[in-house]
Every structure is written in structure tokens, then in C-alpha cells.
Protein backbone atom coordinates (compact mmCIF):
# COMPACT_ATOMS: atom_id res chain seq x y z
CA MET A 1 17.14 52.00 20.82
CA ARG A 2 14.90 49.02 21.50
CA GLN A 3 13.75 46.75 18.67
CA VAL A 4 10.06 45.87 18.41
CA ASP A 5 9.48 42.72 16.39
CA ILE A 6 6.15 42.43 14.60
CA SER A 7 4.92 39.31 12.81
CA LYS A 8 2.96 41.13 10.10
CA GLU A 9 2.60 44.62 8.72
CA PRO A 10 1.04 47.02 9.41
CA VAL A 11 0.45 47.37 13.16
CA GLU A 12 -1.40 50.32 14.65
CA LEU A 13 0.72 52.76 16.68
CA PHE A 14 -1.37 52.61 19.86
CA LYS A 15 -1.10 48.80 19.94
CA ILE A 16 2.69 48.93 19.89
CA LEU A 17 2.77 51.34 22.84
CA LYS A 18 0.32 49.13 24.74
CA PHE A 19 1.88 45.73 24.03
CA GLU A 20 5.43 46.94 24.65
CA GLY A 21 4.39 48.18 28.10
CA ILE A 22 5.21 51.82 27.35
CA VAL A 23 1.75 52.76 28.66
CA ALA A 24 -0.66 50.89 30.93
CA SER A 25 -3.57 50.53 28.49
CA GLY A 26 -4.82 51.10 24.98
CA GLY A 27 -6.85 54.06 26.22
CA GLN A 28 -3.78 55.67 27.73
CA ALA A 29 -1.85 55.03 24.51
CA LYS A 30 -4.56 56.81 22.50
CA LEU A 31 -4.51 59.73 24.94
CA VAL A 32 -0.74 60.34 24.79
CA ILE A 33 -0.80 60.06 20.99
CA SER A 34 -3.68 62.52 20.58
CA ASP A 35 -1.91 64.89 23.01
CA GLY A 36 1.07 65.03 20.61
CA GLN A 37 3.49 63.29 22.98
CA VAL A 38 4.59 60.65 20.45
CA LYS A 39 6.87 61.09 17.45
CA VAL A 40 7.11 58.74 14.49
CA ASN A 41 10.12 59.07 12.21
CA GLY A 42 10.98 62.44 13.75
CA GLU A 43 7.54 64.06 13.41
CA VAL A 44 4.77 64.47 15.99
CA GLU A 45 2.06 61.89 15.30
CA THR A 46 -1.52 62.40 16.51
CA ARG A 47 -3.19 59.57 14.57
CA LYS A 48 -3.85 56.77 17.05
CA ARG A 49 -4.29 54.18 14.32
CA ARG A 50 -1.22 55.21 12.30
CA LYS A 51 -0.04 52.10 10.47
CA MET A 52 3.48 51.18 11.53
CA VAL A 53 5.76 49.19 9.23
CA HIS A 54 9.32 47.82 9.24
CA GLY A 55 11.89 50.55 9.89
CA ASP A 56 9.58 53.08 11.56
CA ILE A 57 10.98 54.75 14.68
CA ILE A 58 8.73 55.69 17.60
CA VAL A 59 9.78 58.11 20.33
CA PHE A 60 7.79 58.64 23.52
CA GLY A 61 9.55 60.29 26.45
CA ASP A 62 12.82 58.45 27.00
CA GLU A 63 11.69 55.42 24.98
CA HIS A 64 13.04 54.94 21.45
CA LEU A 65 11.58 51.99 19.53
CA GLN A 66 12.33 50.71 16.05
CA VAL A 67 9.77 48.51 14.37
CA ARG A 68 11.21 45.40 12.77
CA LEU A 69 9.39 42.74 10.77
CA ALA A 70 10.29 39.37 12.30
CA GLN A 71 11.47 36.81 9.78
């Protein structure tokens, strides 16, 4: 599982997928989220602007990311 360090909470879900290079663009991130291809904390998430905080786990395909607040 890969750690994603954020400097402040919350961060929108689509931005994490975009900035971590999981998808090519913000538009593509929004598309895969709205298509139900992304899980957050074990549940399918379709809200593109879902607020992610420390400890959240994102799964998309083979990618597993855990959000961590950088200190």
C-alpha cells in the first residue's frame, strides 16, 4: 500500500488520483470516480469531490493508497 502525504486536510478525491499519477488528468479522475471504479474505505465512491482525510484508503484497480497528513 502506497502512502500519500498531504499537507492539509481535507483534499478532494479526484485531486489525489490526478496528482499521484493514477490517472492522466482531473477530467479522467472525475470520470472513473463517477463510473464507480474507485473505492474509499472499502465502499464504492461516486462523489468526485469527496473530502479525503488522514487514514482514508483509496483503491483504484491495482492501486492502494493511504492518505497521511504530513507532519
